[in-house]
Amino acid sequence: MREAALTLAEENRSGDPKETTQGPFQMALLGVSPALMWHRSCSWARLEPMEIRTGCRSDAAEVAALHAESWRKAYAEIMPSSFLAGPLLENRLELWFGRLDEPHPGAALFVAEEAAKIVGFAYLIPQSDGRLLLDNLHARPGRTGSGIGGRLLAHALAWAADEHPGSSVYLEVLRANTRAIAFYERHGALRTDERACRFEQGFELPELEYTWPGASPA
């Protein structure tokens, strides 16, 4: 199954990763009250700097664990519980060690990292029709709404525009995953197709295709 943005739809509604990056001096210039600046500066003091970097084989186990956790959280009311309670982690470990041991030509894994811990990731893979599939885009459950997904998406689309100029980027998302759909639409994706996703475990669910034409940044 191809999937993306299982937990990202709880990103902030503005979709702007800079929304909380103004410091006290800048806020004073904007006329924000000292009380509010104190409150917000306490929040800033707790923030860890986030880095987005290219993933590597040593990330496989941590990415797989985050992937399985994300599926179980986002699909709890969508997929059969027997499927989610099954050997999902083992399946994700096999997937990610396979992908990183023998990388697909032109594919790219990006991980968002804070304090040496992966808090999100994005994975893109070229398709035979010339497009790029954004096959995975996840923020760690419990960290949604903090801008991780928006920054990963912007990074992935910028990379696509640089490395595959003119190529469209698309993803597939389950129709019932309405929060994820809202996230993509806020970031400029256009609905381009609809079909059924068939799982090897014997069930199927309707899914939608969303596209960023020409890999334009969100």
C-alpha atoms as a PDB file:
ATOM      1  CA  MET A   1       0.000   0.000   0.000  1.00  0.00           C
ATOM      2  CA  ARG A   2       1.151   3.514  -0.770  1.00  0.00           C
ATOM      3  CA  GLU A   3       0.304   6.009   1.925  1.00  0.00           C
ATOM      4  CA  ALA A   4       1.247   9.371   3.334  1.00  0.00           C
ATOM      5  CA  ALA A   5       0.325  11.908   5.998  1.00  0.00           C
ATOM      6  CA  LEU A   6      -1.237   9.662   8.522  1.00  0.00           C
ATOM      7  CA  THR A   7      -0.858  12.015  11.448  1.00  0.00           C
ATOM      8  CA  LEU A   8       0.109  15.236   9.796  1.00  0.00           C
ATOM      9  CA  ALA A   9      -3.357  16.635   9.426  1.00  0.00           C
ATOM     10  CA  GLU A  10      -3.262  17.962  12.953  1.00  0.00           C
ATOM     11  CA  GLU A  11      -0.615  20.521  11.911  1.00  0.00           C
ATOM     12  CA  ASN A  12      -1.446  24.129  12.728  1.00  0.00           C
ATOM     13  CA  ARG A  13      -4.213  25.460  10.526  1.00  0.00           C
ATOM     14  CA  SER A  14      -2.156  28.316   9.148  1.00  0.00           C
ATOM     15  CA  GLY A  15       0.252  25.769   7.680  1.00  0.00           C
ATOM     16  CA  ASP A  16       3.039  28.299   8.299  1.00  0.00           C
ATOM     17  CA  PRO A  17       6.060  26.767  10.043  1.00  0.00           C
ATOM     18  CA  LYS A  18       7.229  30.279  10.968  1.00  0.00           C
ATOM     19  CA  GLU A  19       4.138  30.979  13.004  1.00  0.00           C
ATOM     20  CA  THR A  20       5.874  30.527  16.373  1.00  0.00           C
ATOM     21  CA  THR A  21       9.396  31.650  15.447  1.00  0.00           C
ATOM     22  CA  GLN A  22       9.119  35.353  16.310  1.00  0.00           C
ATOM     23  CA  GLY A  23      11.289  36.255  19.302  1.00  0.00           C
ATOM     24  CA  PRO A  24      10.446  38.723  22.131  1.00  0.00           C
ATOM     25  CA  PHE A  25      12.211  41.642  20.396  1.00  0.00           C
ATOM     26  CA  GLN A  26      10.306  41.116  17.156  1.00  0.00           C
ATOM     27  CA  MET A  27       7.043  40.708  19.064  1.00  0.00           C
ATOM     28  CA  ALA A  28       7.658  43.992  20.898  1.00  0.00           C
ATOM     29  CA  LEU A  29       8.038  45.734  17.573  1.00  0.00           C
ATOM     30  CA  LEU A  30       4.660  44.291  16.595  1.00  0.00           C
ATOM     31  CA  GLY A  31       3.059  45.759  19.729  1.00  0.00           C
ATOM     32  CA  VAL A  32       2.497  42.516  21.597  1.00  0.00           C
ATOM     33  CA  SER A  33       1.920  43.012  25.333  1.00  0.00           C
ATOM     34  CA  PRO A  34       4.728  42.155  27.821  1.00  0.00           C
ATOM     35  CA  ALA A  35       2.456  39.584  29.530  1.00  0.00           C
ATOM     36  CA  LEU A  36       1.889  37.737  26.277  1.00  0.00           C
ATOM     37  CA  MET A  37       5.576  38.004  25.421  1.00  0.00           C
ATOM     38  CA  TRP A  38       6.447  36.423  28.785  1.00  0.00           C
ATOM     39  CA  HIS A  39       4.005  33.594  28.162  1.00  0.00           C
ATOM     40  CA  ARG A  40       5.291  32.945  24.665  1.00  0.00           C
ATOM     41  CA  SER A  41       8.944  33.309  25.592  1.00  0.00           C
ATOM     42  CA  CYS A  42       8.462  30.527  28.167  1.00  0.00           C
ATOM     43  CA  SER A  43       7.262  28.337  25.296  1.00  0.00           C
ATOM     44  CA  TRP A  44      10.251  29.325  23.163  1.00  0.00           C
ATOM     45  CA  ALA A  45      12.609  28.370  25.943  1.00  0.00           C
ATOM     46  CA  ARG A  46      11.286  24.815  25.781  1.00  0.00           C
ATOM     47  CA  LEU A  47      11.680  24.436  22.011  1.00  0.00           C
ATOM     48  CA  GLU A  48      14.494  22.301  20.648  1.00  0.00           C
ATOM     49  CA  PRO A  49      16.040  23.255  17.296  1.00  0.00           C
ATOM     50  CA  MET A  50      14.892  20.951  14.512  1.00  0.00           C
ATOM     51  CA  GLU A  51      17.097  19.788  11.670  1.00  0.00           C
ATOM     52  CA  ILE A  52      15.934  18.182   8.448  1.00  0.00           C
ATOM     53  CA  ARG A  53      18.577  15.944   6.932  1.00  0.00           C
ATOM     54  CA  THR A  54      18.901  13.097   4.471  1.00  0.00           C
ATOM     55  CA  GLY A  55      18.134   9.748   6.068  1.00  0.00           C
ATOM     56  CA  CYS A  56      20.574   6.820   6.101  1.00  0.00           C
ATOM     57  CA  ARG A  57      20.632   3.130   6.961  1.00  0.00           C
ATOM     58  CA  SER A  58      21.298   3.766  10.636  1.00  0.00           C
ATOM     59  CA  ASP A  59      17.896   5.510  10.789  1.00  0.00           C
ATOM     60  CA  ALA A  60      15.981   2.437   9.593  1.00  0.00           C
ATOM     61  CA  ALA A  61      14.892   1.066  12.978  1.00  0.00           C
ATOM     62  CA  GLU A  62      13.809   4.446  14.361  1.00  0.00           C
ATOM     63  CA  VAL A  63      11.931   5.362  11.181  1.00  0.00           C
ATOM     64  CA  ALA A  64      10.204   1.966  11.165  1.00  0.00           C
ATOM     65  CA  ALA A  65       9.094   2.360  14.792  1.00  0.00           C
ATOM     66  CA  LEU A  66       7.724   5.863  14.141  1.00  0.00           C
ATOM     67  CA  HIS A  67       5.991   4.573  10.994  1.00  0.00           C
ATOM     68  CA  ALA A  68       4.222   1.775  12.869  1.00  0.00           C
ATOM     69  CA  GLU A  69       3.249   4.099  15.727  1.00  0.00           C
ATOM     70  CA  SER A  70       1.857   6.608  13.250  1.00  0.00           C
ATOM     71  CA  TRP A  71      -0.249   3.993  11.443  1.00  0.00           C
ATOM     72  CA  ARG A  72      -1.747   2.744  14.704  1.00  0.00           C
ATOM     73  CA  LYS A  73      -2.608   6.251  15.827  1.00  0.00           C
ATOM     74  CA  ALA A  74      -3.983   7.645  12.580  1.00  0.00           C
ATOM     75  CA  TYR A  75      -5.811   4.540  11.373  1.00  0.00           C
ATOM     76  CA  ALA A  76      -7.350   3.447  14.675  1.00  0.00           C
ATOM     77  CA  GLU A  77     -10.859   4.267  13.451  1.00  0.00           C
ATOM     78  CA  ILE A  78     -10.226   3.461   9.785  1.00  0.00           C
ATOM     79  CA  MET A  79      -8.500   0.072   9.464  1.00  0.00           C
ATOM     80  CA  PRO A  80      -9.416  -3.257  11.069  1.00  0.00           C
ATOM     81  CA  SER A  81      -8.036  -3.455  14.605  1.00  0.00           C
ATOM     82  CA  SER A  82      -6.725  -6.957  13.888  1.00  0.00           C
ATOM     83  CA  PHE A  83      -4.494  -5.508  11.177  1.00  0.00           C
ATOM     84  CA  LEU A  84      -3.135  -2.699  13.337  1.00  0.00           C
ATOM     85  CA  ALA A  85      -2.549  -5.040  16.277  1.00  0.00           C
ATOM     86  CA  GLY A  86      -0.662  -7.472  14.063  1.00  0.00           C
ATOM     87  CA  PRO A  87       3.058  -7.619  13.232  1.00  0.00           C
ATOM     88  CA  LEU A  88       3.074  -4.065  11.947  1.00  0.00           C
ATOM     89  CA  LEU A  89       6.450  -3.112  13.404  1.00  0.00           C
ATOM     90  CA  GLU A  90       8.110  -6.202  11.960  1.00  0.00           C
ATOM     91  CA  ASN A  91       6.624  -5.334   8.568  1.00  0.00           C
ATOM     92  CA  ARG A  92       7.880  -1.739   8.769  1.00  0.00           C
ATOM     93  CA  LEU A  93      11.358  -2.898   9.842  1.00  0.00           C
ATOM     94  CA  GLU A  94      11.543  -5.155   6.810  1.00  0.00           C
ATOM     95  CA  LEU A  95      10.355  -2.319   4.575  1.00  0.00           C
ATOM     96  CA  TRP A  96      12.837   0.293   5.802  1.00  0.00           C
ATOM     97  CA  PHE A  97      15.890  -1.917   6.039  1.00  0.00           C
ATOM     98  CA  GLY A  98      15.089  -3.080   2.511  1.00  0.00           C
ATOM     99  CA  ARG A  99      14.691   0.466   1.224  1.00  0.00           C
ATOM    100  CA  LEU A 100      17.912   1.686   2.817  1.00  0.00           C
ATOM    101  CA  ASP A 101      20.029  -1.410   2.145  1.00  0.00           C
ATOM    102  CA  GLU A 102      19.173  -1.290  -1.562  1.00  0.00           C
ATOM    103  CA  PRO A 103      17.998   2.253  -2.333  1.00  0.00           C
ATOM    104  CA  HIS A 104      15.711   2.789  -5.281  1.00  0.00           C
ATOM    105  CA  PRO A 105      17.440   5.004  -7.886  1.00  0.00           C
ATOM    106  CA  GLY A 106      16.402   8.604  -7.350  1.00  0.00           C
ATOM    107  CA  ALA A 107      14.487   7.983  -4.121  1.00  0.00           C
ATOM    108  CA  ALA A 108      15.004  10.244  -1.108  1.00  0.00           C
ATOM    109  CA  LEU A 109      14.389   9.911   2.624  1.00  0.00           C
ATOM    110  CA  PHE A 110      14.362  13.047   4.778  1.00  0.00           C
ATOM    111  CA  VAL A 111      14.163  12.931   8.552  1.00  0.00           C
ATOM    112  CA  ALA A 112      13.291  15.720  10.966  1.00  0.00           C
ATOM    113  CA  GLU A 113      15.437  15.436  14.070  1.00  0.00           C
ATOM    114  CA  GLU A 114      15.384  17.131  17.468  1.00  0.00           C
ATOM    115  CA  ALA A 115      17.897  16.413  20.229  1.00  0.00           C
ATOM    116  CA  ALA A 116      19.181  13.402  18.247  1.00  0.00           C
ATOM    117  CA  LYS A 117      15.652  11.937  18.026  1.00  0.00           C
ATOM    118  CA  ILE A 118      13.664  11.519  14.817  1.00  0.00           C
ATOM    119  CA  VAL A 119      10.335  13.342  15.093  1.00  0.00           C
ATOM    120  CA  GLY A 120       9.157  12.976  11.497  1.00  0.00           C
ATOM    121  CA  PHE A 121      10.129  11.776   8.042  1.00  0.00           C
ATOM    122  CA  ALA A 122       9.273  12.027   4.357  1.00  0.00           C
ATOM    123  CA  TYR A 123      10.056   9.571   1.568  1.00  0.00           C
ATOM    124  CA  LEU A 124       9.789  10.191  -2.168  1.00  0.00           C
ATOM    125  CA  ILE A 125      10.281   7.738  -5.006  1.00  0.00           C
ATOM    126  CA  PRO A 126      10.318   8.344  -8.796  1.00  0.00           C
ATOM    127  CA  GLN A 127       7.627   6.613 -10.837  1.00  0.00           C
ATOM    128  CA  SER A 128       7.724   5.218 -14.360  1.00  0.00           C
ATOM    129  CA  ASP A 129       5.335   7.941 -15.581  1.00  0.00           C
ATOM    130  CA  GLY A 130       7.822  10.670 -14.666  1.00  0.00           C
ATOM    131  CA  ARG A 131       6.056  11.779 -11.487  1.00  0.00           C
ATOM    132  CA  LEU A 132       7.344  11.529  -7.926  1.00  0.00           C
ATOM    133  CA  LEU A 133       5.345   9.638  -5.320  1.00  0.00           C
ATOM    134  CA  LEU A 134       5.408  11.113  -1.836  1.00  0.00           C
ATOM    135  CA  ASP A 135       4.975   7.680  -0.347  1.00  0.00           C
ATOM    136  CA  ASN A 136       5.387   8.616   3.321  1.00  0.00           C
ATOM    137  CA  LEU A 137       5.010  11.798   5.335  1.00  0.00           C
ATOM    138  CA  HIS A 138       4.745  11.440   9.093  1.00  0.00           C
ATOM    139  CA  ALA A 139       5.152  13.446  12.276  1.00  0.00           C
ATOM    140  CA  ARG A 140       5.549  11.598  15.543  1.00  0.00           C
ATOM    141  CA  PRO A 141       2.206  11.164  17.352  1.00  0.00           C
ATOM    142  CA  GLY A 142       2.103  13.676  20.169  1.00  0.00           C
ATOM    143  CA  ARG A 143       4.099  16.177  18.124  1.00  0.00           C
ATOM    144  CA  THR A 144       1.448  16.934  15.524  1.00  0.00           C
ATOM    145  CA  GLY A 145       0.483  20.570  15.262  1.00  0.00           C
ATOM    146  CA  SER A 146       4.044  21.793  15.863  1.00  0.00           C
ATOM    147  CA  GLY A 147       4.951  22.463  12.224  1.00  0.00           C
ATOM    148  CA  ILE A 148       7.014  19.309  11.631  1.00  0.00           C
ATOM    149  CA  GLY A 149       4.829  18.110   8.783  1.00  0.00           C
ATOM    150  CA  GLY A 150       4.722  21.478   7.046  1.00  0.00           C
ATOM    151  CA  ARG A 151       8.500  21.817   7.145  1.00  0.00           C
ATOM    152  CA  LEU A 152       9.065  18.284   5.896  1.00  0.00           C
ATOM    153  CA  LEU A 153       6.588  18.799   3.075  1.00  0.00           C
ATOM    154  CA  ALA A 154       8.214  22.089   2.022  1.00  0.00           C
ATOM    155  CA  HIS A 155      11.644  20.443   2.119  1.00  0.00           C
ATOM    156  CA  ALA A 156      10.453  17.472   0.046  1.00  0.00           C
ATOM    157  CA  LEU A 157       8.823  19.678  -2.591  1.00  0.00           C
ATOM    158  CA  ALA A 158      11.867  21.954  -2.808  1.00  0.00           C
ATOM    159  CA  TRP A 159      14.097  18.898  -3.283  1.00  0.00           C
ATOM    160  CA  ALA A 160      11.765  17.588  -6.000  1.00  0.00           C
ATOM    161  CA  ALA A 161      11.841  20.919  -7.822  1.00  0.00           C
ATOM    162  CA  ASP A 162      15.671  20.970  -7.719  1.00  0.00           C
ATOM    163  CA  GLU A 163      16.353  17.315  -8.504  1.00  0.00           C
ATOM    164  CA  HIS A 164      13.399  16.601 -10.812  1.00  0.00           C
ATOM    165  CA  PRO A 165      12.466  19.975 -12.340  1.00  0.00           C
ATOM    166  CA  GLY A 166       9.039  19.990 -13.938  1.00  0.00           C
ATOM    167  CA  SER A 167       7.968  16.688 -12.359  1.00  0.00           C
ATOM    168  CA  SER A 168       4.710  16.584 -10.421  1.00  0.00           C
ATOM    169  CA  VAL A 169       4.630  15.217  -6.884  1.00  0.00           C
ATOM    170  CA  TYR A 170       1.617  13.165  -5.829  1.00  0.00           C
ATOM    171  CA  LEU A 171       0.452  11.053  -2.925  1.00  0.00           C
ATOM    172  CA  GLU A 172      -2.328   8.636  -2.065  1.00  0.00           C
ATOM    173  CA  VAL A 173      -4.419   9.094   1.076  1.00  0.00           C
ATOM    174  CA  LEU A 174      -7.402   7.154   2.396  1.00  0.00           C
ATOM    175  CA  ARG A 175     -10.680   8.983   1.905  1.00  0.00           C
ATOM    176  CA  ALA A 176     -11.564   8.514   5.581  1.00  0.00           C
ATOM    177  CA  ASN A 177      -8.386  10.304   6.642  1.00  0.00           C
ATOM    178  CA  THR A 178     -10.103  13.683   6.482  1.00  0.00           C
ATOM    179  CA  ARG A 179      -7.599  15.512   8.668  1.00  0.00           C
ATOM    180  CA  ALA A 180      -4.746  14.509   6.395  1.00  0.00           C
ATOM    181  CA  ILE A 181      -6.755  15.582   3.356  1.00  0.00           C
ATOM    182  CA  ALA A 182      -7.372  19.001   4.910  1.00  0.00           C
ATOM    183  CA  PHE A 183      -3.638  19.341   5.612  1.00  0.00           C
ATOM    184  CA  TYR A 184      -2.723  18.635   1.997  1.00  0.00           C
ATOM    185  CA  GLU A 185      -5.336  20.974   0.623  1.00  0.00           C
ATOM    186  CA  ARG A 186      -4.079  23.771   2.887  1.00  0.00           C
ATOM    187  CA  HIS A 187      -0.638  23.183   1.427  1.00  0.00           C
ATOM    188  CA  GLY A 188      -1.773  23.521  -2.165  1.00  0.00           C
ATOM    189  CA  ALA A 189      -2.378  19.927  -3.274  1.00  0.00           C
ATOM    190  CA  LEU A 190      -5.065  19.287  -5.898  1.00  0.00           C
ATOM    191  CA  ARG A 191      -7.289  16.205  -5.969  1.00  0.00           C
ATOM    192  CA  THR A 192      -6.490  14.339  -9.189  1.00  0.00           C
ATOM    193  CA  ASP A 193      -7.910  10.831  -8.864  1.00  0.00           C
ATOM    194  CA  GLU A 194      -9.967   8.402  -6.791  1.00  0.00           C
ATOM    195  CA  ARG A 195      -9.721   4.621  -6.529  1.00  0.00           C
ATOM    196  CA  ALA A 196      -9.803   1.647  -4.184  1.00  0.00           C
ATOM    197  CA  CYS A 197      -6.760   0.612  -2.168  1.00  0.00           C
ATOM    198  CA  ARG A 198      -6.588  -3.171  -1.845  1.00  0.00           C
ATOM    199  CA  PHE A 199      -4.637  -4.642   1.048  1.00  0.00           C
ATOM    200  CA  GLU A 200      -3.005  -8.061   0.917  1.00  0.00           C
ATOM    201  CA  GLN A 201      -4.706  -8.853   4.243  1.00  0.00           C
ATOM    202  CA  GLY A 202      -8.005  -9.082   2.373  1.00  0.00           C
ATOM    203  CA  PHE A 203      -9.735  -5.724   2.784  1.00  0.00           C
ATOM    204  CA  GLU A 204      -9.979  -2.589   0.675  1.00  0.00           C
ATOM    205  CA  LEU A 205     -10.639   1.083   1.373  1.00  0.00           C
ATOM    206  CA  PRO A 206     -11.343   4.049  -0.902  1.00  0.00           C
ATOM    207  CA  GLU A 207      -8.414   6.366  -1.435  1.00  0.00           C
ATOM    208  CA  LEU A 208      -7.768   9.700  -3.120  1.00  0.00           C
ATOM    209  CA  GLU A 209      -4.823  10.975  -5.112  1.00  0.00           C
ATOM    210  CA  TYR A 210      -3.513  14.510  -4.512  1.00  0.00           C
ATOM    211  CA  THR A 211      -0.945  16.279  -6.680  1.00  0.00           C
ATOM    212  CA  TRP A 212       1.378  19.267  -6.619  1.00  0.00           C
ATOM    213  CA  PRO A 213       1.827  20.009 -10.356  1.00  0.00           C
ATOM    214  CA  GLY A 214       5.388  20.683 -11.357  1.00  0.00           C
ATOM    215  CA  ALA A 215       6.607  20.183  -7.780  1.00  0.00           C
ATOM    216  CA  SER A 216       5.705  23.755  -6.829  1.00  0.00           C
ATOM    217  CA  PRO A 217       6.580  24.518  -3.185  1.00  0.00           C
ATOM    218  CA  ALA A 218       3.664  24.572  -0.718  1.00  0.00           C
END
